[in-house]
């Protein structure tokens, strides 16, 4: 079996944003595995950038179209809450994943840990406990309750068979593969800096915000989106960067030293 990191495709597809900025607070501090339906209030979105219609539009928190909800509800019901969001084009649903699964195999994963706080900051190579994740369709790990959403082959197959658009899947684990540290190191991208100096995350972020350059460190890259509306963070998949709209910056990025590179779209 395979485990996939769920992302939305923001290349050429529509971007949504808040109609009222006050609504940003609930998205910033919520969606961490706890139920929210009883306290959920009306939220309205607007289109920030036109593009192809998507069943998984660009937005910092995953939102599904009514079609995606209808198609996927059968296999993820009980693992998520669908929280209604209103847009002039129809009703969408914020996806609150409440299925928190202790499925990460600490013995076989390659982890980046904060030894003082005894927490996992990031994962360079995933390994999962197959007997635990085999029965799941969608889940979060307790180590990353605020951010990463994982899906299994069942979810991916349903999306592809029904023709839903705007979904991207980044393979993070295959139970049939024999992973090694050497393979993980070879997967890192080649960086071609345009200057020699290293920068802190804060300075690199501010430089990338200008929209003329990007910043890269290890398997990570930060830049302004093609439409200029958002900052995006990319993680190397082995062949390309998978970009996402961050509402939370992984702590490991704050400690890295960054090189300035060409922005490249």
C-alpha atoms as a PDB file:
ATOM      1  CA  UNK A   1       0.000   0.000   0.000  1.00  0.00           C
ATOM      2  CA  UNK A   2       0.987   3.651  -0.407  1.00  0.00           C
ATOM      3  CA  UNK A   3       0.522   6.764   1.679  1.00  0.00           C
ATOM      4  CA  UNK A   4       0.168  10.122  -0.027  1.00  0.00           C
ATOM      5  CA  UNK A   5       0.467  13.682   1.236  1.00  0.00           C
ATOM      6  CA  UNK A   6      -2.602  15.592   0.057  1.00  0.00           C
ATOM      7  CA  UNK A   7      -2.001  18.898  -1.729  1.00  0.00           C
ATOM      8  CA  UNK A   8      -4.041  21.121  -3.976  1.00  0.00           C
ATOM      9  CA  UNK A   9      -2.846  22.002  -7.477  1.00  0.00           C
ATOM     10  CA  UNK A  10      -2.467  25.792  -7.595  1.00  0.00           C
ATOM     11  CA  UNK A  11      -1.036  25.920 -11.122  1.00  0.00           C
ATOM     12  CA  UNK A  12      -3.660  27.596 -13.298  1.00  0.00           C
ATOM     13  CA  UNK A  13      -6.538  26.944 -10.903  1.00  0.00           C
ATOM     14  CA  UNK A  14      -8.618  29.482  -8.999  1.00  0.00           C
ATOM     15  CA  UNK A  15      -7.483  31.018  -5.695  1.00  0.00           C
ATOM     16  CA  UNK A  16      -9.909  31.917  -2.937  1.00  0.00           C
ATOM     17  CA  UNK A  17      -9.502  34.372  -0.078  1.00  0.00           C
ATOM     18  CA  UNK A  18     -11.472  35.784   2.834  1.00  0.00           C
ATOM     19  CA  UNK A  19     -14.278  38.242   2.210  1.00  0.00           C
ATOM     20  CA  UNK A  20     -13.788  39.391   5.814  1.00  0.00           C
ATOM     21  CA  UNK A  21     -10.265  39.219   7.199  1.00  0.00           C
ATOM     22  CA  UNK A  22     -11.644  38.585  10.697  1.00  0.00           C
ATOM     23  CA  UNK A  23     -12.482  35.074   9.538  1.00  0.00           C
ATOM     24  CA  UNK A  24      -8.776  34.289   9.166  1.00  0.00           C
ATOM     25  CA  UNK A  25      -8.466  33.701  12.915  1.00  0.00           C
ATOM     26  CA  UNK A  26     -10.581  30.549  12.955  1.00  0.00           C
ATOM     27  CA  UNK A  27      -8.498  29.037  10.141  1.00  0.00           C
ATOM     28  CA  UNK A  28      -5.210  30.002  11.769  1.00  0.00           C
ATOM     29  CA  UNK A  29      -5.974  28.542  15.195  1.00  0.00           C
ATOM     30  CA  UNK A  30      -8.443  25.802  14.292  1.00  0.00           C
ATOM     31  CA  UNK A  31      -8.230  22.644  12.189  1.00  0.00           C
ATOM     32  CA  UNK A  32      -5.954  20.779  14.584  1.00  0.00           C
ATOM     33  CA  UNK A  33      -7.887  17.552  14.870  1.00  0.00           C
ATOM     34  CA  UNK A  34     -10.604  18.765  17.235  1.00  0.00           C
ATOM     35  CA  UNK A  35     -14.289  18.925  16.351  1.00  0.00           C
ATOM     36  CA  UNK A  36     -15.456  22.380  15.259  1.00  0.00           C
ATOM     37  CA  UNK A  37     -18.931  21.864  13.794  1.00  0.00           C
ATOM     38  CA  UNK A  38     -20.865  22.925  16.903  1.00  0.00           C
ATOM     39  CA  UNK A  39     -19.088  26.298  17.031  1.00  0.00           C
ATOM     40  CA  UNK A  40     -18.834  26.871  13.285  1.00  0.00           C
ATOM     41  CA  UNK A  41     -20.186  30.185  12.003  1.00  0.00           C
ATOM     42  CA  UNK A  42     -20.872  31.464   8.521  1.00  0.00           C
ATOM     43  CA  UNK A  43     -17.730  32.159   6.491  1.00  0.00           C
ATOM     44  CA  UNK A  44     -17.708  33.794   3.066  1.00  0.00           C
ATOM     45  CA  UNK A  45     -14.911  33.597   0.516  1.00  0.00           C
ATOM     46  CA  UNK A  46     -14.175  35.563  -2.630  1.00  0.00           C
ATOM     47  CA  UNK A  47     -12.043  34.792  -5.663  1.00  0.00           C
ATOM     48  CA  UNK A  48      -8.590  36.326  -5.340  1.00  0.00           C
ATOM     49  CA  UNK A  49      -7.331  34.997  -8.645  1.00  0.00           C
ATOM     50  CA  UNK A  50      -9.365  33.620 -11.533  1.00  0.00           C
ATOM     51  CA  UNK A  51      -8.403  30.295 -13.007  1.00  0.00           C
ATOM     52  CA  UNK A  52      -9.798  26.920 -13.920  1.00  0.00           C
ATOM     53  CA  UNK A  53     -12.606  25.752 -11.643  1.00  0.00           C
ATOM     54  CA  UNK A  54     -11.319  23.366  -8.999  1.00  0.00           C
ATOM     55  CA  UNK A  55     -12.839  20.819  -6.679  1.00  0.00           C
ATOM     56  CA  UNK A  56      -9.969  21.657  -4.317  1.00  0.00           C
ATOM     57  CA  UNK A  57      -9.399  25.427  -4.771  1.00  0.00           C
ATOM     58  CA  UNK A  58      -6.307  27.281  -3.678  1.00  0.00           C
ATOM     59  CA  UNK A  59      -6.725  28.359  -0.066  1.00  0.00           C
ATOM     60  CA  UNK A  60      -4.501  27.954   3.041  1.00  0.00           C
ATOM     61  CA  UNK A  61      -6.939  25.433   4.570  1.00  0.00           C
ATOM     62  CA  UNK A  62      -8.229  22.546   2.418  1.00  0.00           C
ATOM     63  CA  UNK A  63     -11.695  23.267   1.011  1.00  0.00           C
ATOM     64  CA  UNK A  64     -13.745  20.968  -1.189  1.00  0.00           C
ATOM     65  CA  UNK A  65     -16.449  21.686  -3.729  1.00  0.00           C
ATOM     66  CA  UNK A  66     -19.940  20.283  -3.225  1.00  0.00           C
ATOM     67  CA  UNK A  67     -19.123  17.693  -5.883  1.00  0.00           C
ATOM     68  CA  UNK A  68     -15.983  16.587  -4.037  1.00  0.00           C
ATOM     69  CA  UNK A  69     -17.936  16.318  -0.796  1.00  0.00           C
ATOM     70  CA  UNK A  70     -20.601  14.189  -2.435  1.00  0.00           C
ATOM     71  CA  UNK A  71     -18.067  11.900  -4.117  1.00  0.00           C
ATOM     72  CA  UNK A  72     -15.755  11.439  -1.117  1.00  0.00           C
ATOM     73  CA  UNK A  73     -18.186  11.475   1.786  1.00  0.00           C
ATOM     74  CA  UNK A  74     -18.783   7.726   1.623  1.00  0.00           C
ATOM     75  CA  UNK A  75     -15.125   6.856   2.223  1.00  0.00           C
ATOM     76  CA  UNK A  76     -14.084   9.632   4.654  1.00  0.00           C
ATOM     77  CA  UNK A  77     -17.270  10.116   6.683  1.00  0.00           C
ATOM     78  CA  UNK A  78     -16.409   9.906  10.368  1.00  0.00           C
ATOM     79  CA  UNK A  79     -12.804  10.881   9.737  1.00  0.00           C
ATOM     80  CA  UNK A  80     -13.587  14.500   8.853  1.00  0.00           C
ATOM     81  CA  UNK A  81     -16.039  17.321   9.366  1.00  0.00           C
ATOM     82  CA  UNK A  82     -17.345  19.207   6.323  1.00  0.00           C
ATOM     83  CA  UNK A  83     -17.800  22.837   7.438  1.00  0.00           C
ATOM     84  CA  UNK A  84     -19.850  24.936   4.988  1.00  0.00           C
ATOM     85  CA  UNK A  85     -18.274  27.964   3.331  1.00  0.00           C
ATOM     86  CA  UNK A  86     -20.116  30.325   1.029  1.00  0.00           C
ATOM     87  CA  UNK A  87     -18.903  31.701  -2.297  1.00  0.00           C
ATOM     88  CA  UNK A  88     -20.813  33.363  -5.116  1.00  0.00           C
ATOM     89  CA  UNK A  89     -20.241  30.241  -7.221  1.00  0.00           C
ATOM     90  CA  UNK A  90     -21.843  27.951  -4.638  1.00  0.00           C
ATOM     91  CA  UNK A  91     -21.232  26.219  -1.342  1.00  0.00           C
ATOM     92  CA  UNK A  92     -17.819  24.810  -0.508  1.00  0.00           C
ATOM     93  CA  UNK A  93     -16.694  22.882   2.560  1.00  0.00           C
ATOM     94  CA  UNK A  94     -13.662  23.386   4.777  1.00  0.00           C
ATOM     95  CA  UNK A  95     -12.171  19.982   5.510  1.00  0.00           C
ATOM     96  CA  UNK A  96     -11.520  19.441   9.213  1.00  0.00           C
ATOM     97  CA  UNK A  97      -9.694  16.138   9.599  1.00  0.00           C
ATOM     98  CA  UNK A  98     -10.462  14.760  13.053  1.00  0.00           C
ATOM     99  CA  UNK A  99      -8.942  11.319  12.490  1.00  0.00           C
ATOM    100  CA  UNK A 100      -5.614  11.509  14.348  1.00  0.00           C
ATOM    101  CA  UNK A 101      -3.662   8.284  13.882  1.00  0.00           C
ATOM    102  CA  UNK A 102      -0.526   7.156  15.718  1.00  0.00           C
ATOM    103  CA  UNK A 103       0.797   5.517  12.587  1.00  0.00           C
ATOM    104  CA  UNK A 104       4.333   6.887  12.213  1.00  0.00           C
ATOM    105  CA  UNK A 105       7.015   4.220  12.630  1.00  0.00           C
ATOM    106  CA  UNK A 106       9.686   6.006  14.666  1.00  0.00           C
ATOM    107  CA  UNK A 107      12.183   3.171  14.223  1.00  0.00           C
ATOM    108  CA  UNK A 108      12.195   3.277  10.418  1.00  0.00           C
ATOM    109  CA  UNK A 109      11.376   6.945   9.699  1.00  0.00           C
ATOM    110  CA  UNK A 110      14.144   9.500   9.291  1.00  0.00           C
ATOM    111  CA  UNK A 111      13.101  12.223  11.718  1.00  0.00           C
ATOM    112  CA  UNK A 112      14.331  15.723  12.487  1.00  0.00           C
ATOM    113  CA  UNK A 113      13.787  16.169  16.211  1.00  0.00           C
ATOM    114  CA  UNK A 114      14.080  18.891  18.825  1.00  0.00           C
ATOM    115  CA  UNK A 115      15.852  16.984  21.571  1.00  0.00           C
ATOM    116  CA  UNK A 116      15.228  19.626  24.232  1.00  0.00           C
ATOM    117  CA  UNK A 117      11.466  19.751  23.631  1.00  0.00           C
ATOM    118  CA  UNK A 118      11.299  16.057  22.630  1.00  0.00           C
ATOM    119  CA  UNK A 119       9.185  16.770  19.555  1.00  0.00           C
ATOM    120  CA  UNK A 120       9.397  15.919  15.855  1.00  0.00           C
ATOM    121  CA  UNK A 121      10.046  19.034  13.763  1.00  0.00           C
ATOM    122  CA  UNK A 122      10.016  17.373  10.374  1.00  0.00           C
ATOM    123  CA  UNK A 123      10.311  14.050   8.575  1.00  0.00           C
ATOM    124  CA  UNK A 124      12.925  13.472   5.888  1.00  0.00           C
ATOM    125  CA  UNK A 125      11.749   9.938   5.193  1.00  0.00           C
ATOM    126  CA  UNK A 126       8.405   8.513   6.276  1.00  0.00           C
ATOM    127  CA  UNK A 127       7.698   4.992   7.390  1.00  0.00           C
ATOM    128  CA  UNK A 128       4.271   3.944   8.633  1.00  0.00           C
ATOM    129  CA  UNK A 129       2.963   1.068  10.713  1.00  0.00           C
ATOM    130  CA  UNK A 130       1.066  -0.803   8.021  1.00  0.00           C
ATOM    131  CA  UNK A 131      -1.345  -2.587  10.351  1.00  0.00           C
ATOM    132  CA  UNK A 132      -2.422   0.800  11.745  1.00  0.00           C
ATOM    133  CA  UNK A 133      -2.845   2.802   8.520  1.00  0.00           C
ATOM    134  CA  UNK A 134      -4.192   0.002   6.323  1.00  0.00           C
ATOM    135  CA  UNK A 135      -7.788   0.626   7.423  1.00  0.00           C
ATOM    136  CA  UNK A 136      -7.655   4.419   6.921  1.00  0.00           C
ATOM    137  CA  UNK A 137      -8.652   6.605   3.991  1.00  0.00           C
ATOM    138  CA  UNK A 138      -7.609  10.022   5.343  1.00  0.00           C
ATOM    139  CA  UNK A 139      -5.805  11.007   8.542  1.00  0.00           C
ATOM    140  CA  UNK A 140      -3.412  13.311  10.341  1.00  0.00           C
ATOM    141  CA  UNK A 141      -0.488  12.415  12.535  1.00  0.00           C
ATOM    142  CA  UNK A 142      -0.383  13.743  16.115  1.00  0.00           C
ATOM    143  CA  UNK A 143       3.063  15.167  15.293  1.00  0.00           C
ATOM    144  CA  UNK A 144       1.538  17.484  12.645  1.00  0.00           C
ATOM    145  CA  UNK A 145      -2.042  18.113  13.726  1.00  0.00           C
ATOM    146  CA  UNK A 146      -2.124  21.614  12.251  1.00  0.00           C
ATOM    147  CA  UNK A 147      -0.781  20.909   8.823  1.00  0.00           C
ATOM    148  CA  UNK A 148      -0.238  17.675   6.939  1.00  0.00           C
ATOM    149  CA  UNK A 149      -3.098  15.547   5.658  1.00  0.00           C
ATOM    150  CA  UNK A 150      -2.338  12.002   4.556  1.00  0.00           C
ATOM    151  CA  UNK A 151      -4.487   9.768   2.356  1.00  0.00           C
ATOM    152  CA  UNK A 152      -4.306   6.171   1.235  1.00  0.00           C
ATOM    153  CA  UNK A 153      -4.770   4.513  -2.147  1.00  0.00           C
ATOM    154  CA  UNK A 154      -8.533   4.312  -1.575  1.00  0.00           C
ATOM    155  CA  UNK A 155      -8.877   8.095  -1.451  1.00  0.00           C
ATOM    156  CA  UNK A 156      -6.564   8.731  -4.409  1.00  0.00           C
ATOM    157  CA  UNK A 157      -8.304   6.116  -6.538  1.00  0.00           C
ATOM    158  CA  UNK A 158     -11.752   7.606  -5.826  1.00  0.00           C
ATOM    159  CA  UNK A 159     -10.557  11.100  -6.831  1.00  0.00           C
ATOM    160  CA  UNK A 160      -9.052   9.826 -10.075  1.00  0.00           C
ATOM    161  CA  UNK A 161     -11.949   7.551 -11.013  1.00  0.00           C
ATOM    162  CA  UNK A 162     -14.552  10.285 -10.540  1.00  0.00           C
ATOM    163  CA  UNK A 163     -12.633  12.993 -12.402  1.00  0.00           C
ATOM    164  CA  UNK A 164     -12.260  15.481  -9.554  1.00  0.00           C
ATOM    165  CA  UNK A 165      -9.808  18.240 -10.448  1.00  0.00           C
ATOM    166  CA  UNK A 166      -7.351  20.337  -8.451  1.00  0.00           C
ATOM    167  CA  UNK A 167      -5.957  17.469  -6.351  1.00  0.00           C
ATOM    168  CA  UNK A 168      -2.276  16.578  -6.136  1.00  0.00           C
ATOM    169  CA  UNK A 169      -0.796  13.587  -4.371  1.00  0.00           C
ATOM    170  CA  UNK A 170       2.800  13.406  -3.182  1.00  0.00           C
ATOM    171  CA  UNK A 171       3.857   9.842  -2.441  1.00  0.00           C
ATOM    172  CA  UNK A 172       5.600   9.658   0.936  1.00  0.00           C
ATOM    173  CA  UNK A 173       5.609   5.916   1.597  1.00  0.00           C
ATOM    174  CA  UNK A 174       5.241   2.617  -0.222  1.00  0.00           C
ATOM    175  CA  UNK A 175       5.074  -0.542   1.866  1.00  0.00           C
ATOM    176  CA  UNK A 176       6.761  -2.469  -0.955  1.00  0.00           C
ATOM    177  CA  UNK A 177       9.847  -0.234  -1.125  1.00  0.00           C
ATOM    178  CA  UNK A 178      13.074  -0.709   0.785  1.00  0.00           C
ATOM    179  CA  UNK A 179      14.009   2.849   1.712  1.00  0.00           C
ATOM    180  CA  UNK A 180      17.498   3.895   2.737  1.00  0.00           C
ATOM    181  CA  UNK A 181      19.210   7.037   3.915  1.00  0.00           C
ATOM    182  CA  UNK A 182      21.270   7.108   0.724  1.00  0.00           C
ATOM    183  CA  UNK A 183      18.115   7.243  -1.403  1.00  0.00           C
ATOM    184  CA  UNK A 184      16.750  10.096   0.663  1.00  0.00           C
ATOM    185  CA  UNK A 185      19.980  12.105   0.288  1.00  0.00           C
ATOM    186  CA  UNK A 186      20.107  11.583  -3.480  1.00  0.00           C
ATOM    187  CA  UNK A 187      16.592  12.953  -3.771  1.00  0.00           C
ATOM    188  CA  UNK A 188      17.635  16.454  -2.654  1.00  0.00           C
ATOM    189  CA  UNK A 189      17.450  19.087  -5.412  1.00  0.00           C
ATOM    190  CA  UNK A 190      20.493  20.810  -6.855  1.00  0.00           C
ATOM    191  CA  UNK A 191      20.542  24.475  -5.821  1.00  0.00           C
ATOM    192  CA  UNK A 192      22.092  27.141  -8.068  1.00  0.00           C
ATOM    193  CA  UNK A 193      22.408  30.250  -5.881  1.00  0.00           C
ATOM    194  CA  UNK A 194      22.724  33.659  -7.510  1.00  0.00           C
ATOM    195  CA  UNK A 195      24.945  34.866  -4.649  1.00  0.00           C
ATOM    196  CA  UNK A 196      27.213  33.230  -2.075  1.00  0.00           C
ATOM    197  CA  UNK A 197      25.726  34.561   1.140  1.00  0.00           C
ATOM    198  CA  UNK A 198      23.467  32.560   3.474  1.00  0.00           C
ATOM    199  CA  UNK A 199      20.423  34.209   5.065  1.00  0.00           C
ATOM    200  CA  UNK A 200      18.171  33.534   8.031  1.00  0.00           C
ATOM    201  CA  UNK A 201      14.609  32.451   7.309  1.00  0.00           C
ATOM    202  CA  UNK A 202      13.160  35.868   8.180  1.00  0.00           C
ATOM    203  CA  UNK A 203      15.482  37.731   5.837  1.00  0.00           C
ATOM    204  CA  UNK A 204      15.119  35.165   3.060  1.00  0.00           C
ATOM    205  CA  UNK A 205      11.314  35.351   3.366  1.00  0.00           C
ATOM    206  CA  UNK A 206      11.364  39.150   3.084  1.00  0.00           C
ATOM    207  CA  UNK A 207      13.612  38.997   0.022  1.00  0.00           C
ATOM    208  CA  UNK A 208      11.355  36.415  -1.644  1.00  0.00           C
ATOM    209  CA  UNK A 209       8.293  38.527  -0.805  1.00  0.00           C
ATOM    210  CA  UNK A 210       9.530  41.140  -3.285  1.00  0.00           C
ATOM    211  CA  UNK A 211       8.681  38.683  -6.056  1.00  0.00           C
ATOM    212  CA  UNK A 212      11.976  38.897  -7.939  1.00  0.00           C
ATOM    213  CA  UNK A 213      13.868  35.984  -6.358  1.00  0.00           C
ATOM    214  CA  UNK A 214      13.178  32.787  -4.400  1.00  0.00           C
ATOM    215  CA  UNK A 215      15.013  31.221  -1.466  1.00  0.00           C
ATOM    216  CA  UNK A 216      16.069  27.583  -1.118  1.00  0.00           C
ATOM    217  CA  UNK A 217      17.486  25.354   1.594  1.00  0.00           C
ATOM    218  CA  UNK A 218      17.810  21.581   1.424  1.00  0.00           C
ATOM    219  CA  UNK A 219      14.549  20.185   0.088  1.00  0.00           C
ATOM    220  CA  UNK A 220      12.597  23.400   0.717  1.00  0.00           C
ATOM    221  CA  UNK A 221      11.900  26.484  -1.376  1.00  0.00           C
ATOM    222  CA  UNK A 222       9.963  29.697  -0.693  1.00  0.00           C
ATOM    223  CA  UNK A 223       8.739  32.196  -3.261  1.00  0.00           C
ATOM    224  CA  UNK A 224       5.853  34.407  -4.252  1.00  0.00           C
ATOM    225  CA  UNK A 225       3.115  32.665  -6.229  1.00  0.00           C
ATOM    226  CA  UNK A 226       2.912  33.155  -9.975  1.00  0.00           C
ATOM    227  CA  UNK A 227      -0.051  35.510  -9.638  1.00  0.00           C
ATOM    228  CA  UNK A 228       1.755  37.539  -6.980  1.00  0.00           C
ATOM    229  CA  UNK A 229      -1.035  37.130  -4.418  1.00  0.00           C
ATOM    230  CA  UNK A 230       0.565  34.668  -1.997  1.00  0.00           C
ATOM    231  CA  UNK A 231       3.805  33.401  -0.579  1.00  0.00           C
ATOM    232  CA  UNK A 232       4.114  29.655  -1.180  1.00  0.00           C
ATOM    233  CA  UNK A 233       6.368  26.985   0.290  1.00  0.00           C
ATOM    234  CA  UNK A 234       7.594  24.073  -1.802  1.00  0.00           C
ATOM    235  CA  UNK A 235       8.993  20.699  -0.744  1.00  0.00           C
ATOM    236  CA  UNK A 236      11.063  18.605  -3.140  1.00  0.00           C
ATOM    237  CA  UNK A 237       9.431  15.335  -4.221  1.00  0.00           C
ATOM    238  CA  UNK A 238      12.463  13.896  -5.990  1.00  0.00           C
ATOM    239  CA  UNK A 239      11.540  15.357  -9.374  1.00  0.00           C
ATOM    240  CA  UNK A 240       9.903  18.725  -8.618  1.00  0.00           C
ATOM    241  CA  UNK A 241       8.679  20.977  -5.831  1.00  0.00           C
ATOM    242  CA  UNK A 242       5.166  20.503  -4.448  1.00  0.00           C
ATOM    243  CA  UNK A 243       3.971  23.962  -3.413  1.00  0.00           C
ATOM    244  CA  UNK A 244       1.346  24.777  -0.814  1.00  0.00           C
ATOM    245  CA  UNK A 245      -0.186  27.913   0.663  1.00  0.00           C
ATOM    246  CA  UNK A 246       1.112  28.069   4.241  1.00  0.00           C
ATOM    247  CA  UNK A 247      -1.022  29.035   7.212  1.00  0.00           C
ATOM    248  CA  UNK A 248       1.696  27.577   9.400  1.00  0.00           C
ATOM    249  CA  UNK A 249       5.470  27.545   8.812  1.00  0.00           C
ATOM    250  CA  UNK A 250       7.150  24.248   9.786  1.00  0.00           C
ATOM    251  CA  UNK A 251       9.504  25.090  12.698  1.00  0.00           C
ATOM    252  CA  UNK A 252      12.444  23.370  11.033  1.00  0.00           C
ATOM    253  CA  UNK A 253      12.424  26.057   8.307  1.00  0.00           C
ATOM    254  CA  UNK A 254      13.043  28.802  10.857  1.00  0.00           C
ATOM    255  CA  UNK A 255      16.375  27.268  11.846  1.00  0.00           C
ATOM    256  CA  UNK A 256      17.717  26.739   8.324  1.00  0.00           C
ATOM    257  CA  UNK A 257      20.179  28.900   6.422  1.00  0.00           C
ATOM    258  CA  UNK A 258      18.874  29.979   3.014  1.00  0.00           C
ATOM    259  CA  UNK A 259      20.387  30.723  -0.380  1.00  0.00           C
ATOM    260  CA  UNK A 260      18.847  33.168  -2.844  1.00  0.00           C
ATOM    261  CA  UNK A 261      17.972  31.570  -6.204  1.00  0.00           C
ATOM    262  CA  UNK A 262      16.101  32.402  -9.402  1.00  0.00           C
ATOM    263  CA  UNK A 263      12.350  32.399  -8.881  1.00  0.00           C
ATOM    264  CA  UNK A 264      11.418  30.086 -11.829  1.00  0.00           C
ATOM    265  CA  UNK A 265       7.779  29.246 -12.573  1.00  0.00           C
END
